[in-house]
């Protein structure tokens, strides 16, 4: 039992910085995404999320009335 506790403590000490760093990266990415979506909404872009017709596990963010990106004025971004 003591050996299990020691091994668990060693693994926890080695793994916790990795998970803390990953958490900070995810929070930063969420803030960036929120900023982009806020700016698009401020500029009047219509946003909607749609499932792929062929693969229901894929989601697409469709930006309607965009001023760039595609000829039909819609931008499609795959959400991973």
Protein backbone atom coordinates (compact mmCIF):
# COMPACT_ATOMS: atom_id res chain seq x y z
CA UNK A 1 0.00 0.00 0.00
CA UNK A 2 2.84 2.39 0.83
CA UNK A 3 4.50 1.60 -2.50
CA UNK A 4 1.26 2.44 -4.32
CA UNK A 5 0.99 5.76 -2.50
CA UNK A 6 4.61 6.66 -3.26
CA UNK A 7 4.25 5.79 -6.95
CA UNK A 8 1.01 7.76 -7.17
CA UNK A 9 2.67 10.78 -5.56
CA UNK A 10 5.62 10.60 -7.95
CA UNK A 11 3.36 10.35 -10.99
CA UNK A 12 1.21 13.22 -9.72
CA UNK A 13 4.23 15.46 -9.14
CA UNK A 14 5.56 14.77 -12.64
CA UNK A 15 2.22 15.05 -14.45
CA UNK A 16 0.66 18.07 -12.74
CA UNK A 17 2.82 20.75 -14.47
CA UNK A 18 1.89 19.29 -17.86
CA UNK A 19 -1.83 19.47 -17.09
CA UNK A 20 -1.52 22.97 -15.62
CA UNK A 21 0.27 24.19 -18.75
CA UNK A 22 -2.38 22.60 -20.98
CA UNK A 23 -5.15 24.22 -18.96
CA UNK A 24 -3.56 27.66 -19.41
CA UNK A 25 -3.27 27.04 -23.18
CA UNK A 26 -6.94 26.05 -23.40
CA UNK A 27 -8.05 29.13 -21.47
CA UNK A 28 -5.97 31.33 -23.78
CA UNK A 29 -7.49 29.65 -26.85
CA UNK A 30 -11.02 30.11 -25.49
CA UNK A 31 -10.33 33.81 -24.90
CA UNK A 32 -9.03 34.20 -28.47
CA UNK A 33 -12.07 32.43 -29.91
CA UNK A 34 -14.42 34.55 -27.81
CA UNK A 35 -12.68 37.69 -29.06
CA UNK A 36 -13.01 36.65 -32.71
CA UNK A 37 -16.68 35.74 -32.35
CA UNK A 38 -17.40 38.98 -30.48
CA UNK A 39 -15.76 41.02 -33.23
CA UNK A 40 -17.72 39.17 -35.94
CA UNK A 41 -20.97 39.77 -34.05
CA UNK A 42 -20.09 43.44 -33.55
CA UNK A 43 -19.58 43.80 -37.29
CA UNK A 44 -23.01 42.33 -37.92
CA UNK A 45 -22.07 38.88 -39.20
CA UNK A 46 -24.75 36.24 -38.84
CA UNK A 47 -23.33 33.10 -37.25
CA UNK A 48 -24.82 29.62 -37.14
CA UNK A 49 -23.61 26.12 -36.32
CA UNK A 50 -24.54 23.23 -38.59
CA UNK A 51 -23.81 19.49 -38.60
CA UNK A 52 -22.16 17.96 -41.64
CA UNK A 53 -24.72 16.09 -43.74
CA UNK A 54 -22.36 13.16 -44.32
CA UNK A 55 -20.67 12.99 -40.91
CA UNK A 56 -22.86 14.06 -38.00
CA UNK A 57 -19.87 14.22 -35.64
CA UNK A 58 -18.51 17.25 -37.55
CA UNK A 59 -19.75 20.73 -36.79
CA UNK A 60 -19.36 23.77 -39.01
CA UNK A 61 -19.55 27.40 -38.02
CA UNK A 62 -21.14 29.27 -40.90
CA UNK A 63 -20.50 32.99 -41.08
CA UNK A 64 -23.14 34.52 -43.32
CA UNK A 65 -22.77 37.90 -44.99
CA UNK A 66 -19.00 37.90 -44.62
CA UNK A 67 -17.03 40.55 -46.44
CA UNK A 68 -14.21 38.20 -47.45
CA UNK A 69 -13.27 34.53 -47.75
CA UNK A 70 -15.64 33.13 -50.39
CA UNK A 71 -17.41 34.30 -53.52
CA UNK A 72 -20.89 33.61 -52.14
CA UNK A 73 -20.23 35.83 -49.08
CA UNK A 74 -20.45 32.90 -46.65
CA UNK A 75 -17.47 31.57 -44.75
CA UNK A 76 -17.47 28.03 -43.40
CA UNK A 77 -15.18 27.04 -40.55
CA UNK A 78 -14.90 23.46 -39.32
CA UNK A 79 -15.22 23.25 -35.55
CA UNK A 80 -12.89 20.64 -34.06
